[in-house]
Structures are given as structure tokens and as C-alpha cells.
């Protein structure tokens, strides 16, 4: 369905921005990133998150450190790099511009109920 596809594409488009924003708060473990995204109602599975984290790391926007865990093997904790902060700052500006554009474009629109009996 076209609505589902559009919603998926919209979410994918902001996922990187949200991940960088979450990591910018401080060092974080991947499952905690997923928890933060779930709290924001952006449901993401590990199979989506890890390739994205790898791409962001390869682009030098993130780094990681291994830390010992009390409940199993060492864990990889992600941190944002100075280059990542620069990108995040630009994405903040882009987000503000997009919010303004969407609000302006949809301002005054009448929400009509579609009569399903037709």
C-alpha cells in the first residue's frame, strides 16, 4: 500500500538523525539505542541498527570502545565524534527547515473524513 511505503521511507529518512542525536547524549550500548528508539515509537531491529552504526563509524561520525560486562562478554559502546557532531548540527538545521516546510505546506488544510460507503 502506498501509505505504508511512504511511512516507511519517512522513518528511514530520519533514523540516522535520531541515532546520532541519541548517541550525542553520551556513550551508549546498541541495545540501549534500540530502547530509546522504541520509546520514541521508531521501532528498529538489530538487523537494521548494526549496519547503520557500521556505516556511521566507517564515515567517522561514530567511534566505539569495548567495555567489560558483568553479565557476559565485553560490550561495544558508541560515542559520537567531532565530525559526527558537525553533521548532527547540520541535520538539526535541516530538520528545523523541514518542520517549517511541512507545517507551512499543510497549514489550513481541511481534514476530511472519507466516506467508506461510497
PDB file of N, CA and C in Angstrom:
ATOM      1  N   UNK A   1       0.845  -1.173   0.000  1.00  0.00           N
ATOM      2  CA  UNK A   1       0.000   0.000   0.000  1.00  0.00           C
ATOM      3  C   UNK A   1       0.897   1.245   0.000  1.00  0.00           C
ATOM      4  N   UNK A   2       0.515   2.255  -0.708  1.00  0.00           N
ATOM      5  CA  UNK A   2       1.329   3.458  -0.859  1.00  0.00           C
ATOM      6  C   UNK A   2       1.564   4.178   0.471  1.00  0.00           C
ATOM      7  N   UNK A   3       0.573   4.188   1.355  1.00  0.00           N
ATOM      8  CA  UNK A   3       0.734   4.866   2.647  1.00  0.00           C
ATOM      9  C   UNK A   3       1.825   4.172   3.461  1.00  0.00           C
ATOM     10  N   UNK A   4       1.785   2.842   3.508  1.00  0.00           N
ATOM     11  CA  UNK A   4       2.794   2.095   4.254  1.00  0.00           C
ATOM     12  C   UNK A   4       4.191   2.383   3.720  1.00  0.00           C
ATOM     13  N   UNK A   5       4.337   2.403   2.405  1.00  0.00           N
ATOM     14  CA  UNK A   5       5.637   2.661   1.795  1.00  0.00           C
ATOM     15  C   UNK A   5       6.122   4.074   2.132  1.00  0.00           C
ATOM     16  N   UNK A   6       5.246   5.042   2.050  1.00  0.00           N
ATOM     17  CA  UNK A   6       5.613   6.422   2.356  1.00  0.00           C
ATOM     18  C   UNK A   6       6.005   6.564   3.819  1.00  0.00           C
ATOM     19  N   UNK A   7       5.242   5.942   4.707  1.00  0.00           N
ATOM     20  CA  UNK A   7       5.573   5.998   6.136  1.00  0.00           C
ATOM     21  C   UNK A   7       6.939   5.363   6.396  1.00  0.00           C
ATOM     22  N   UNK A   8       7.208   4.236   5.768  1.00  0.00           N
ATOM     23  CA  UNK A   8       8.496   3.559   5.927  1.00  0.00           C
ATOM     24  C   UNK A   8       9.638   4.443   5.452  1.00  0.00           C
ATOM     25  N   UNK A   9       9.466   5.056   4.292  1.00  0.00           N
ATOM     26  CA  UNK A   9      10.514   5.922   3.752  1.00  0.00           C
ATOM     27  C   UNK A   9      10.745   7.144   4.637  1.00  0.00           C
ATOM     28  N   UNK A  10       9.688   7.697   5.194  1.00  0.00           N
ATOM     29  CA  UNK A  10       9.830   8.848   6.087  1.00  0.00           C
ATOM     30  C   UNK A  10      10.621   8.451   7.335  1.00  0.00           C
ATOM     31  N   UNK A  11      10.306   7.294   7.893  1.00  0.00           N
ATOM     32  CA  UNK A  11      11.022   6.830   9.094  1.00  0.00           C
ATOM     33  C   UNK A  11      12.493   6.554   8.790  1.00  0.00           C
ATOM     34  N   UNK A  12      12.758   5.910   7.662  1.00  0.00           N
ATOM     35  CA  UNK A  12      14.153   5.627   7.279  1.00  0.00           C
ATOM     36  C   UNK A  12      14.938   6.918   7.124  1.00  0.00           C
ATOM     37  N   UNK A  13      14.286   7.922   6.586  1.00  0.00           N
ATOM     38  CA  UNK A  13      14.955   9.188   6.350  1.00  0.00           C
ATOM     39  C   UNK A  13      15.399   9.897   7.608  1.00  0.00           C
ATOM     40  N   UNK A  14      14.717   9.656   8.725  1.00  0.00           N
ATOM     41  CA  UNK A  14      15.100  10.344   9.958  1.00  0.00           C
ATOM     42  C   UNK A  14      15.830   9.439  10.945  1.00  0.00           C
ATOM     43  N   UNK A  15      15.963   8.170  10.627  1.00  0.00           N
ATOM     44  CA  UNK A  15      16.578   7.219  11.554  1.00  0.00           C
ATOM     45  C   UNK A  15      18.022   7.581  11.881  1.00  0.00           C
ATOM     46  N   UNK A  16      18.826   7.894  10.884  1.00  0.00           N
ATOM     47  CA  UNK A  16      20.220   8.266  11.108  1.00  0.00           C
ATOM     48  C   UNK A  16      20.316   9.481  12.016  1.00  0.00           C
ATOM     49  N   UNK A  17      19.474  10.462  11.743  1.00  0.00           N
ATOM     50  CA  UNK A  17      19.446  11.683  12.539  1.00  0.00           C
ATOM     51  C   UNK A  17      19.116  11.353  13.998  1.00  0.00           C
ATOM     52  N   UNK A  18      18.119  10.523  14.217  1.00  0.00           N
ATOM     53  CA  UNK A  18      17.732  10.150  15.574  1.00  0.00           C
ATOM     54  C   UNK A  18      18.839   9.374  16.285  1.00  0.00           C
ATOM     55  N   UNK A  19      19.492   8.481  15.569  1.00  0.00           N
ATOM     56  CA  UNK A  19      20.576   7.696  16.166  1.00  0.00           C
ATOM     57  C   UNK A  19      21.733   8.603  16.574  1.00  0.00           C
ATOM     58  N   UNK A  20      22.129   9.510  15.688  1.00  0.00           N
ATOM     59  CA  UNK A  20      23.200  10.449  16.041  1.00  0.00           C
ATOM     60  C   UNK A  20      22.798  11.301  17.239  1.00  0.00           C
ATOM     61  N   UNK A  21      21.553  11.728  17.280  1.00  0.00           N
ATOM     62  CA  UNK A  21      21.066  12.541  18.404  1.00  0.00           C
ATOM     63  C   UNK A  21      21.149  11.767  19.709  1.00  0.00           C
ATOM     64  N   UNK A  22      20.731  10.518  19.697  1.00  0.00           N
ATOM     65  CA  UNK A  22      20.775   9.680  20.902  1.00  0.00           C
ATOM     66  C   UNK A  22      22.212   9.489  21.364  1.00  0.00           C
ATOM     67  N   UNK A  23      23.098   9.167  20.433  1.00  0.00           N
ATOM     68  CA  UNK A  23      24.489   8.910  20.798  1.00  0.00           C
ATOM     69  C   UNK A  23      25.186  10.191  21.262  1.00  0.00           C
ATOM     70  N   UNK A  24      24.725  11.337  20.787  1.00  0.00           N
ATOM     71  CA  UNK A  24      25.358  12.597  21.192  1.00  0.00           C
ATOM     72  C   UNK A  24      25.176  12.892  22.680  1.00  0.00           C
ATOM     73  N   UNK A  25      24.222  12.237  23.326  1.00  0.00           N
ATOM     74  CA  UNK A  25      23.977  12.442  24.761  1.00  0.00           C
ATOM     75  C   UNK A  25      25.074  11.829  25.617  1.00  0.00           C
ATOM     76  N   UNK A  26      25.789  10.855  25.048  1.00  0.00           N
ATOM     77  CA  UNK A  26      26.852  10.184  25.789  1.00  0.00           C
ATOM     78  C   UNK A  26      27.005   8.756  25.321  1.00  0.00           C
ATOM     79  N   UNK A  27      28.065   8.149  25.763  1.00  0.00           N
ATOM     80  CA  UNK A  27      28.401   6.777  25.403  1.00  0.00           C
ATOM     81  C   UNK A  27      27.199   5.865  25.632  1.00  0.00           C
ATOM     82  N   UNK A  28      26.924   4.975  24.658  1.00  0.00           N
ATOM     83  CA  UNK A  28      25.709   4.154  24.752  1.00  0.00           C
ATOM     84  C   UNK A  28      25.902   2.806  24.054  1.00  0.00           C
ATOM     85  N   UNK A  29      25.277   1.814  24.598  1.00  0.00           N
ATOM     86  CA  UNK A  29      25.292   0.442  24.085  1.00  0.00           C
ATOM     87  C   UNK A  29      24.161   0.286  23.062  1.00  0.00           C
ATOM     88  N   UNK A  30      24.364  -0.555  22.057  1.00  0.00           N
ATOM     89  CA  UNK A  30      23.405  -0.694  20.951  1.00  0.00           C
ATOM     90  C   UNK A  30      21.988  -1.035  21.422  1.00  0.00           C
ATOM     91  N   UNK A  31      21.861  -1.941  22.373  1.00  0.00           N
ATOM     92  CA  UNK A  31      20.500  -2.292  22.813  1.00  0.00           C
ATOM     93  C   UNK A  31      19.824  -1.114  23.514  1.00  0.00           C
ATOM     94  N   UNK A  32      20.613  -0.237  24.129  1.00  0.00           N
ATOM     95  CA  UNK A  32      20.034   0.962  24.736  1.00  0.00           C
ATOM     96  C   UNK A  32      19.578   1.952  23.661  1.00  0.00           C
ATOM     97  N   UNK A  33      20.285   1.980  22.526  1.00  0.00           N
ATOM     98  CA  UNK A  33      19.855   2.812  21.400  1.00  0.00           C
ATOM     99  C   UNK A  33      18.500   2.323  20.916  1.00  0.00           C
ATOM    100  N   UNK A  34      18.361   1.006  20.772  1.00  0.00           N
ATOM    101  CA  UNK A  34      17.087   0.423  20.346  1.00  0.00           C
ATOM    102  C   UNK A  34      15.988   0.791  21.346  1.00  0.00           C
ATOM    103  N   UNK A  35      16.299   0.744  22.632  1.00  0.00           N
ATOM    104  CA  UNK A  35      15.324   1.117  23.658  1.00  0.00           C
ATOM    105  C   UNK A  35      14.877   2.563  23.532  1.00  0.00           C
ATOM    106  N   UNK A  36      15.821   3.450  23.259  1.00  0.00           N
ATOM    107  CA  UNK A  36      15.484   4.870  23.080  1.00  0.00           C
ATOM    108  C   UNK A  36      14.624   5.078  21.834  1.00  0.00           C
ATOM    109  N   UNK A  37      14.948   4.357  20.774  1.00  0.00           N
ATOM    110  CA  UNK A  37      14.161   4.467  19.542  1.00  0.00           C
ATOM    111  C   UNK A  37      12.750   3.929  19.750  1.00  0.00           C
ATOM    112  N   UNK A  38      12.622   2.832  20.506  1.00  0.00           N
ATOM    113  CA  UNK A  38      11.296   2.284  20.812  1.00  0.00           C
ATOM    114  C   UNK A  38      10.483   3.274  21.625  1.00  0.00           C
ATOM    115  N   UNK A  39      11.141   3.924  22.585  1.00  0.00           N
ATOM    116  CA  UNK A  39      10.458   4.922  23.402  1.00  0.00           C
ATOM    117  C   UNK A  39       9.917   6.052  22.523  1.00  0.00           C
ATOM    118  N   UNK A  40      10.640   6.346  21.449  1.00  0.00           N
ATOM    119  CA  UNK A  40      10.217   7.387  20.505  1.00  0.00           C
ATOM    120  C   UNK A  40       9.274   6.830  19.436  1.00  0.00           C
ATOM    121  N   UNK A  41       8.889   5.561  19.583  1.00  0.00           N
ATOM    122  CA  UNK A  41       7.999   4.883  18.633  1.00  0.00           C
ATOM    123  C   UNK A  41       8.601   4.729  17.247  1.00  0.00           C
ATOM    124  N   UNK A  42       9.928   4.642  17.199  1.00  0.00           N
ATOM    125  CA  UNK A  42      10.649   4.291  15.968  1.00  0.00           C
ATOM    126  C   UNK A  42      11.160   2.873  16.182  1.00  0.00           C
ATOM    127  N   UNK A  43      10.384   1.900  15.767  1.00  0.00           N
ATOM    128  CA  UNK A  43      10.731   0.515  16.018  1.00  0.00           C
ATOM    129  C   UNK A  43      11.818   0.069  15.053  1.00  0.00           C
ATOM    130  N   UNK A  44      12.952  -0.345  15.628  1.00  0.00           N
ATOM    131  CA  UNK A  44      14.114  -0.745  14.840  1.00  0.00           C
ATOM    132  C   UNK A  44      14.631  -2.058  15.401  1.00  0.00           C
ATOM    133  N   UNK A  45      15.002  -2.965  14.521  1.00  0.00           N
ATOM    134  CA  UNK A  45      15.573  -4.236  14.948  1.00  0.00           C
ATOM    135  C   UNK A  45      17.089  -4.176  14.798  1.00  0.00           C
ATOM    136  N   UNK A  46      17.771  -5.101  15.463  1.00  0.00           N
ATOM    137  CA  UNK A  46      19.237  -5.124  15.409  1.00  0.00           C
ATOM    138  C   UNK A  46      19.755  -5.234  13.988  1.00  0.00           C
ATOM    139  N   UNK A  47      19.035  -5.980  13.154  1.00  0.00           N
ATOM    140  CA  UNK A  47      19.454  -6.159  11.759  1.00  0.00           C
ATOM    141  C   UNK A  47      19.444  -4.874  10.958  1.00  0.00           C
ATOM    142  N   UNK A  48      18.711  -3.883  11.437  1.00  0.00           N
ATOM    143  CA  UNK A  48      18.704  -2.555  10.813  1.00  0.00           C
ATOM    144  C   UNK A  48      19.735  -1.656  11.482  1.00  0.00           C
ATOM    145  N   UNK A  49      19.819  -1.735  12.809  1.00  0.00           N
ATOM    146  CA  UNK A  49      20.677  -0.829  13.566  1.00  0.00           C
ATOM    147  C   UNK A  49      22.163  -1.068  13.312  1.00  0.00           C
ATOM    148  N   UNK A  50      22.615  -2.309  13.389  1.00  0.00           N
ATOM    149  CA  UNK A  50      24.052  -2.569  13.307  1.00  0.00           C
ATOM    150  C   UNK A  50      24.682  -2.138  11.977  1.00  0.00           C
ATOM    151  N   UNK A  51      24.054  -2.407  10.835  1.00  0.00           N
ATOM    152  CA  UNK A  51      24.644  -1.897   9.590  1.00  0.00           C
ATOM    153  C   UNK A  51      24.703  -0.361   9.553  1.00  0.00           C
ATOM    154  N   UNK A  52      23.683   0.273  10.126  1.00  0.00           N
ATOM    155  CA  UNK A  52      23.676   1.737  10.189  1.00  0.00           C
ATOM    156  C   UNK A  52      24.808   2.246  11.076  1.00  0.00           C
ATOM    157  N   UNK A  53      24.999   1.626  12.232  1.00  0.00           N
ATOM    158  CA  UNK A  53      26.096   2.010  13.125  1.00  0.00           C
ATOM    159  C   UNK A  53      27.450   1.803  12.448  1.00  0.00           C
ATOM    160  N   UNK A  54      27.579   0.716  11.716  1.00  0.00           N
ATOM    161  CA  UNK A  54      28.832   0.443  10.994  1.00  0.00           C
ATOM    162  C   UNK A  54      29.084   1.504   9.935  1.00  0.00           C
ATOM    163  N   UNK A  55      28.041   1.866   9.194  1.00  0.00           N
ATOM    164  CA  UNK A  55      28.204   2.897   8.170  1.00  0.00           C
ATOM    165  C   UNK A  55      28.585   4.232   8.797  1.00  0.00           C
ATOM    166  N   UNK A  56      27.938   4.593   9.899  1.00  0.00           N
ATOM    167  CA  UNK A  56      28.267   5.848  10.580  1.00  0.00           C
ATOM    168  C   UNK A  56      29.698   5.824  11.116  1.00  0.00           C
ATOM    169  N   UNK A  57      30.138   4.661  11.604  1.00  0.00           N
ATOM    170  CA  UNK A  57      31.518   4.524  12.076  1.00  0.00           C
ATOM    171  C   UNK A  57      32.495   4.631  10.908  1.00  0.00           C
ATOM    172  N   UNK A  58      32.192   3.951   9.807  1.00  0.00           N
ATOM    173  CA  UNK A  58      33.071   3.995   8.635  1.00  0.00           C
ATOM    174  C   UNK A  58      33.176   5.408   8.059  1.00  0.00           C
ATOM    175  N   UNK A  59      32.136   6.212   8.254  1.00  0.00           N
ATOM    176  CA  UNK A  59      32.159   7.612   7.816  1.00  0.00           C
ATOM    177  C   UNK A  59      32.750   8.531   8.884  1.00  0.00           C
ATOM    178  N   UNK A  60      33.286   7.910   9.939  1.00  0.00           N
ATOM    179  CA  UNK A  60      33.959   8.610  11.035  1.00  0.00           C
ATOM    180  C   UNK A  60      33.054   9.569  11.808  1.00  0.00           C
ATOM    181  N   UNK A  61      31.765   9.224  11.839  1.00  0.00           N
ATOM    182  CA  UNK A  61      30.816  10.015  12.618  1.00  0.00           C
ATOM    183  C   UNK A  61      30.641   9.440  14.021  1.00  0.00           C
ATOM    184  N   UNK A  62      31.014   8.172  14.180  1.00  0.00           N
ATOM    185  CA  UNK A  62      30.957   7.476  15.463  1.00  0.00           C
ATOM    186  C   UNK A  62      32.265   6.761  15.706  1.00  0.00           C
ATOM    187  N   UNK A  63      32.520   6.506  16.982  1.00  0.00           N
ATOM    188  CA  UNK A  63      33.604   5.601  17.360  1.00  0.00           C
ATOM    189  C   UNK A  63      33.018   4.676  18.424  1.00  0.00           C
ATOM    190  N   UNK A  64      33.778   3.682  18.806  1.00  0.00           N
ATOM    191  CA  UNK A  64      33.290   2.807  19.871  1.00  0.00           C
ATOM    192  C   UNK A  64      34.451   2.327  20.728  1.00  0.00           C
ATOM    193  N   UNK A  65      34.105   1.912  21.928  1.00  0.00           N
ATOM    194  CA  UNK A  65      35.065   1.308  22.846  1.00  0.00           C
ATOM    195  C   UNK A  65      34.447   0.025  23.374  1.00  0.00           C
ATOM    196  N   UNK A  66      35.295  -0.947  23.628  1.00  0.00           N
ATOM    197  CA  UNK A  66      34.840  -2.193  24.237  1.00  0.00           C
ATOM    198  C   UNK A  66      34.933  -2.043  25.747  1.00  0.00           C
ATOM    199  N   UNK A  67      33.888  -2.486  26.440  1.00  0.00           N
ATOM    200  CA  UNK A  67      33.879  -2.449  27.904  1.00  0.00           C
ATOM    201  C   UNK A  67      33.448  -3.800  28.434  1.00  0.00           C
ATOM    202  N   UNK A  68      34.092  -4.206  29.510  1.00  0.00           N
ATOM    203  CA  UNK A  68      33.723  -5.460  30.157  1.00  0.00           C
ATOM    204  C   UNK A  68      32.297  -5.371  30.681  1.00  0.00           C
ATOM    205  N   UNK A  69      31.612  -6.491  30.641  1.00  0.00           N
ATOM    206  CA  UNK A  69      30.247  -6.562  31.129  1.00  0.00           C
ATOM    207  C   UNK A  69      30.187  -7.513  32.318  1.00  0.00           C
ATOM    208  N   UNK A  70      29.365  -7.201  33.275  1.00  0.00           N
ATOM    209  CA  UNK A  70      29.197  -8.085  34.437  1.00  0.00           C
ATOM    210  C   UNK A  70      28.306  -9.277  34.098  1.00  0.00           C
ATOM    211  N   UNK A  71      27.610  -9.195  32.961  1.00  0.00           N
ATOM    212  CA  UNK A  71      26.653 -10.259  32.622  1.00  0.00           C
ATOM    213  C   UNK A  71      26.947 -10.888  31.265  1.00  0.00           C
ATOM    214  N   UNK A  72      28.212 -11.085  30.951  1.00  0.00           N
ATOM    215  CA  UNK A  72      28.531 -11.731  29.683  1.00  0.00           C
ATOM    216  C   UNK A  72      29.788 -11.159  29.055  1.00  0.00           C
ATOM    217  N   UNK A  73      29.870 -11.309  27.726  1.00  0.00           N
ATOM    218  CA  UNK A  73      31.082 -10.849  27.029  1.00  0.00           C
ATOM    219  C   UNK A  73      31.179  -9.315  27.017  1.00  0.00           C
ATOM    220  N   UNK A  74      32.355  -8.794  26.659  1.00  0.00           N
ATOM    221  CA  UNK A  74      32.503  -7.333  26.571  1.00  0.00           C
ATOM    222  C   UNK A  74      31.486  -6.745  25.597  1.00  0.00           C
ATOM    223  N   UNK A  75      31.135  -5.485  25.837  1.00  0.00           N
ATOM    224  CA  UNK A  75      30.133  -4.803  25.015  1.00  0.00           C
ATOM    225  C   UNK A  75      30.767  -3.612  24.304  1.00  0.00           C
ATOM    226  N   UNK A  76      30.228  -3.338  23.136  1.00  0.00           N
ATOM    227  CA  UNK A  76      30.686  -2.212  22.333  1.00  0.00           C
ATOM    228  C   UNK A  76      29.811  -1.001  22.660  1.00  0.00           C
ATOM    229  N   UNK A  77      30.436   0.070  23.128  1.00  0.00           N
ATOM    230  CA  UNK A  77      29.733   1.308  23.437  1.00  0.00           C
ATOM    231  C   UNK A  77      30.107   2.368  22.407  1.00  0.00           C
ATOM    232  N   UNK A  78      29.100   3.029  21.874  1.00  0.00           N
ATOM    233  CA  UNK A  78      29.289   4.008  20.802  1.00  0.00           C
ATOM    234  C   UNK A  78      29.358   5.423  21.354  1.00  0.00           C
ATOM    235  N   UNK A  79      30.193   6.238  20.701  1.00  0.00           N
ATOM    236  CA  UNK A  79      30.322   7.655  21.022  1.00  0.00           C
ATOM    237  C   UNK A  79      30.304   8.432  19.718  1.00  0.00           C
ATOM    238  N   UNK A  80      29.810   9.653  19.768  1.00  0.00           N
ATOM    239  CA  UNK A  80      29.822  10.496  18.582  1.00  0.00           C
ATOM    240  C   UNK A  80      31.189  11.186  18.497  1.00  0.00           C
ATOM    241  N   UNK A  81      31.689  11.357  17.295  1.00  0.00           N
ATOM    242  CA  UNK A  81      32.973  12.010  17.076  1.00  0.00           C
ATOM    243  C   UNK A  81      32.751  13.507  16.825  1.00  0.00           C
ATOM    244  N   UNK A  82      33.821  14.293  16.834  1.00  0.00           N
ATOM    245  CA  UNK A  82      33.664  15.708  16.466  1.00  0.00           C
ATOM    246  C   UNK A  82      33.040  15.879  15.071  1.00  0.00           C
ATOM    247  N   UNK A  83      33.429  15.036  14.121  1.00  0.00           N
ATOM    248  CA  UNK A  83      32.820  15.099  12.779  1.00  0.00           C
ATOM    249  C   UNK A  83      31.342  14.752  12.855  1.00  0.00           C
ATOM    250  N   UNK A  84      30.982  13.804  13.714  1.00  0.00           N
ATOM    251  CA  UNK A  84      29.588  13.436  13.897  1.00  0.00           C
ATOM    252  C   UNK A  84      28.786  14.578  14.483  1.00  0.00           C
ATOM    253  N   UNK A  85      29.386  15.330  15.408  1.00  0.00           N
ATOM    254  CA  UNK A  85      28.706  16.491  15.990  1.00  0.00           C
ATOM    255  C   UNK A  85      28.467  17.566  14.938  1.00  0.00           C
ATOM    256  N   UNK A  86      29.422  17.741  14.027  1.00  0.00           N
ATOM    257  CA  UNK A  86      29.248  18.716  12.943  1.00  0.00           C
ATOM    258  C   UNK A  86      28.086  18.310  12.040  1.00  0.00           C
ATOM    259  N   UNK A  87      28.046  17.021  11.681  1.00  0.00           N
ATOM    260  CA  UNK A  87      26.961  16.516  10.842  1.00  0.00           C
ATOM    261  C   UNK A  87      25.634  16.666  11.576  1.00  0.00           C
ATOM    262  N   UNK A  88      25.615  16.326  12.860  1.00  0.00           N
ATOM    263  CA  UNK A  88      24.389  16.438  13.648  1.00  0.00           C
ATOM    264  C   UNK A  88      23.894  17.883  13.693  1.00  0.00           C
ATOM    265  N   UNK A  89      24.807  18.818  13.825  1.00  0.00           N
ATOM    266  CA  UNK A  89      24.431  20.229  13.830  1.00  0.00           C
ATOM    267  C   UNK A  89      23.762  20.613  12.505  1.00  0.00           C
ATOM    268  N   UNK A  90      24.302  20.141  11.400  1.00  0.00           N
ATOM    269  CA  UNK A  90      23.710  20.425  10.085  1.00  0.00           C
ATOM    270  C   UNK A  90      22.354  19.743   9.938  1.00  0.00           C
ATOM    271  N   UNK A  91      22.247  18.531  10.477  1.00  0.00           N
ATOM    272  CA  UNK A  91      20.967  17.819  10.417  1.00  0.00           C
ATOM    273  C   UNK A  91      19.918  18.513  11.285  1.00  0.00           C
ATOM    274  N   UNK A  92      20.345  19.090  12.415  1.00  0.00           N
ATOM    275  CA  UNK A  92      19.411  19.871  13.245  1.00  0.00           C
ATOM    276  C   UNK A  92      18.804  20.997  12.420  1.00  0.00           C
ATOM    277  N   UNK A  93      19.655  21.706  11.684  1.00  0.00           N
ATOM    278  CA  UNK A  93      19.184  22.817  10.846  1.00  0.00           C
ATOM    279  C   UNK A  93      18.245  22.304   9.766  1.00  0.00           C
ATOM    280  N   UNK A  94      18.628  21.206   9.128  1.00  0.00           N
ATOM    281  CA  UNK A  94      17.790  20.619   8.084  1.00  0.00           C
ATOM    282  C   UNK A  94      16.439  20.205   8.655  1.00  0.00           C
ATOM    283  N   UNK A  95      16.439  19.603   9.842  1.00  0.00           N
ATOM    284  CA  UNK A  95      15.197  19.172  10.470  1.00  0.00           C
ATOM    285  C   UNK A  95      14.282  20.369  10.734  1.00  0.00           C
ATOM    286  N   UNK A  96      14.856  21.442  11.282  1.00  0.00           N
ATOM    287  CA  UNK A  96      14.056  22.648  11.555  1.00  0.00           C
ATOM    288  C   UNK A  96      13.460  23.201  10.265  1.00  0.00           C
ATOM    289  N   UNK A  97      14.231  23.183   9.182  1.00  0.00           N
ATOM    290  CA  UNK A  97      13.730  23.669   7.894  1.00  0.00           C
ATOM    291  C   UNK A  97      12.605  22.775   7.374  1.00  0.00           C
ATOM    292  N   UNK A  98      12.762  21.460   7.539  1.00  0.00           N
ATOM    293  CA  UNK A  98      11.725  20.523   7.089  1.00  0.00           C
ATOM    294  C   UNK A  98      10.441  20.677   7.901  1.00  0.00           C
ATOM    295  N   UNK A  99      10.574  20.819   9.202  1.00  0.00           N
ATOM    296  CA  UNK A  99       9.390  21.008  10.053  1.00  0.00           C
ATOM    297  C   UNK A  99       8.653  22.271   9.618  1.00  0.00           C
ATOM    298  N   UNK A 100       9.388  23.351   9.396  1.00  0.00           N
ATOM    299  CA  UNK A 100       8.768  24.596   8.945  1.00  0.00           C
ATOM    300  C   UNK A 100       8.075  24.393   7.599  1.00  0.00           C
ATOM    301  N   UNK A 101       8.751  23.710   6.674  1.00  0.00           N
ATOM    302  CA  UNK A 101       8.185  23.495   5.341  1.00  0.00           C
ATOM    303  C   UNK A 101       6.898  22.678   5.411  1.00  0.00           C
ATOM    304  N   UNK A 102       6.903  21.620   6.199  1.00  0.00           N
ATOM    305  CA  UNK A 102       5.715  20.772   6.301  1.00  0.00           C
ATOM    306  C   UNK A 102       4.585  21.521   6.995  1.00  0.00           C
ATOM    307  N   UNK A 103       4.899  22.221   8.067  1.00  0.00           N
ATOM    308  CA  UNK A 103       3.861  22.989   8.762  1.00  0.00           C
ATOM    309  C   UNK A 103       3.265  24.058   7.852  1.00  0.00           C
ATOM    310  N   UNK A 104       4.118  24.708   7.088  1.00  0.00           N
ATOM    311  CA  UNK A 104       3.644  25.749   6.182  1.00  0.00           C
ATOM    312  C   UNK A 104       2.801  25.150   5.057  1.00  0.00           C
ATOM    313  N   UNK A 105       3.270  24.046   4.503  1.00  0.00           N
ATOM    314  CA  UNK A 105       2.561  23.418   3.380  1.00  0.00           C
ATOM    315  C   UNK A 105       1.220  22.826   3.802  1.00  0.00           C
ATOM    316  N   UNK A 106       1.116  22.392   5.043  1.00  0.00           N
ATOM    317  CA  UNK A 106      -0.122  21.740   5.483  1.00  0.00           C
ATOM    318  C   UNK A 106      -1.028  22.675   6.283  1.00  0.00           C
ATOM    319  N   UNK A 107      -0.581  23.890   6.505  1.00  0.00           N
ATOM    320  CA  UNK A 107      -1.346  24.872   7.273  1.00  0.00           C
ATOM    321  C   UNK A 107      -2.707  25.139   6.626  1.00  0.00           C
ATOM    322  N   UNK A 108      -3.728  25.145   7.436  1.00  0.00           N
ATOM    323  CA  UNK A 108      -5.055  25.485   6.943  1.00  0.00           C
ATOM    324  C   UNK A 108      -5.747  24.389   6.157  1.00  0.00           C
ATOM    325  N   UNK A 109      -5.128  23.233   6.080  1.00  0.00           N
ATOM    326  CA  UNK A 109      -5.729  22.126   5.333  1.00  0.00           C
ATOM    327  C   UNK A 109      -6.911  21.584   6.097  1.00  0.00           C
ATOM    328  N   UNK A 110      -7.996  21.355   5.386  1.00  0.00           N
ATOM    329  CA  UNK A 110      -9.172  20.743   5.985  1.00  0.00           C
ATOM    330  C   UNK A 110      -8.990  19.232   5.971  1.00  0.00           C
ATOM    331  N   UNK A 111      -9.059  18.651   7.140  1.00  0.00           N
ATOM    332  CA  UNK A 111      -9.011  17.189   7.215  1.00  0.00           C
ATOM    333  C   UNK A 111     -10.403  16.661   6.994  1.00  0.00           C
ATOM    334  N   UNK A 112     -10.562  15.949   5.899  1.00  0.00           N
ATOM    335  CA  UNK A 112     -11.890  15.436   5.565  1.00  0.00           C
ATOM    336  C   UNK A 112     -11.936  13.934   5.848  1.00  0.00           C
ATOM    337  N   UNK A 113     -13.055  13.515   6.318  1.00  0.00           N
ATOM    338  CA  UNK A 113     -13.278  12.111   6.557  1.00  0.00           C
ATOM    339  C   UNK A 113     -13.763  11.471   5.266  1.00  0.00           C
ATOM    340  N   UNK A 114     -13.132  10.408   4.886  1.00  0.00           N
ATOM    341  CA  UNK A 114     -13.537   9.703   3.662  1.00  0.00           C
ATOM    342  C   UNK A 114     -14.719   8.799   4.018  1.00  0.00           C
ATOM    343  N   UNK A 115     -15.786   8.959   3.269  1.00  0.00           N
ATOM    344  CA  UNK A 115     -16.968   8.147   3.477  1.00  0.00           C
ATOM    345  C   UNK A 115     -16.724   6.788   2.845  1.00  0.00           C
ATOM    346  N   UNK A 116     -16.577   5.765   3.665  1.00  0.00           N
ATOM    347  CA  UNK A 116     -16.243   4.432   3.169  1.00  0.00           C
ATOM    348  C   UNK A 116     -17.435   3.758   2.475  1.00  0.00           C
ATOM    349  N   UNK A 117     -18.597   4.341   2.569  1.00  0.00           N
ATOM    350  CA  UNK A 117     -19.761   3.709   1.933  1.00  0.00           C
ATOM    351  C   UNK A 117     -19.879   4.034   0.450  1.00  0.00           C
ATOM    352  N   UNK A 118     -19.029   4.937  -0.047  1.00  0.00           N
ATOM    353  CA  UNK A 118     -19.112   5.321  -1.463  1.00  0.00           C
ATOM    354  C   UNK A 118     -18.396   4.338  -2.347  1.00  0.00           C
TER     355      UNK A 118
END
